[in-house]
């Protein structure tokens, strides 16, 4: 037998279900809003703090006579599709060779990721620099660095606070100099040749993620496995 109470319950169930779904949706929307806002704040903080640090630590000509090391972070020699060479790689090679020919007392530390298959970043840098007249006797290979943090950590482990110059494109150079400063390294920046038509969109998006990762690495939220005797 259907009573008035049962009819009332049946009519209210859809409303309760809708209210429940709406409440859950609002909670998810609020969480997404908080996360998006937090990400934007960190991204803006990174932009201004990294840029300011980069400008502050650019090397001056009179400093180069007393600096012994040039650090060249690795970059893939070719774009992912393998059809043409990477402008980041070409710019770092050209600028490193040019600086060394002006200051041949300096040693070049060639860093990068190597997997014995697709990536040979440190050795690719060496091969390209030798073609530009840089002898292998002034090059030190660091083939065990998967990212900028490991590159700087390996340098710190081997040379401590010995002054050095980092050569890279401005957008990456600013991040590297900020990380070096936070790691209490005595690093200076030298801008490498840029992309002919400006930084590609994919590179800018990648750098935003890399800057967030860099801050987490400095805060100790991302750890790295250390490698014994990193430089050879």
Foldseek 3Di string as FASTA:
>chain_A
DDDPVNVVVVVCVVVVVVVVVVVVVVVVVVVVVVVVVVLVVLLVVLVVQLLVLQVVFADDPVCVQQAAEEEEEFDQQPPPVRPHGDVQLVQSLVVVLVVCVVPVNHAYEQEEEDDPPRDDGSVVSVVSNVVSVNDCVRYKYQHHDHDLLLSLVLCCVVPNQREYEYEGASLVSSLSSSLCVLVVHRYHYDYTDADPVHDDPVRVVVSSVVSVVSVCVSVVVDDDDDDPPRMD
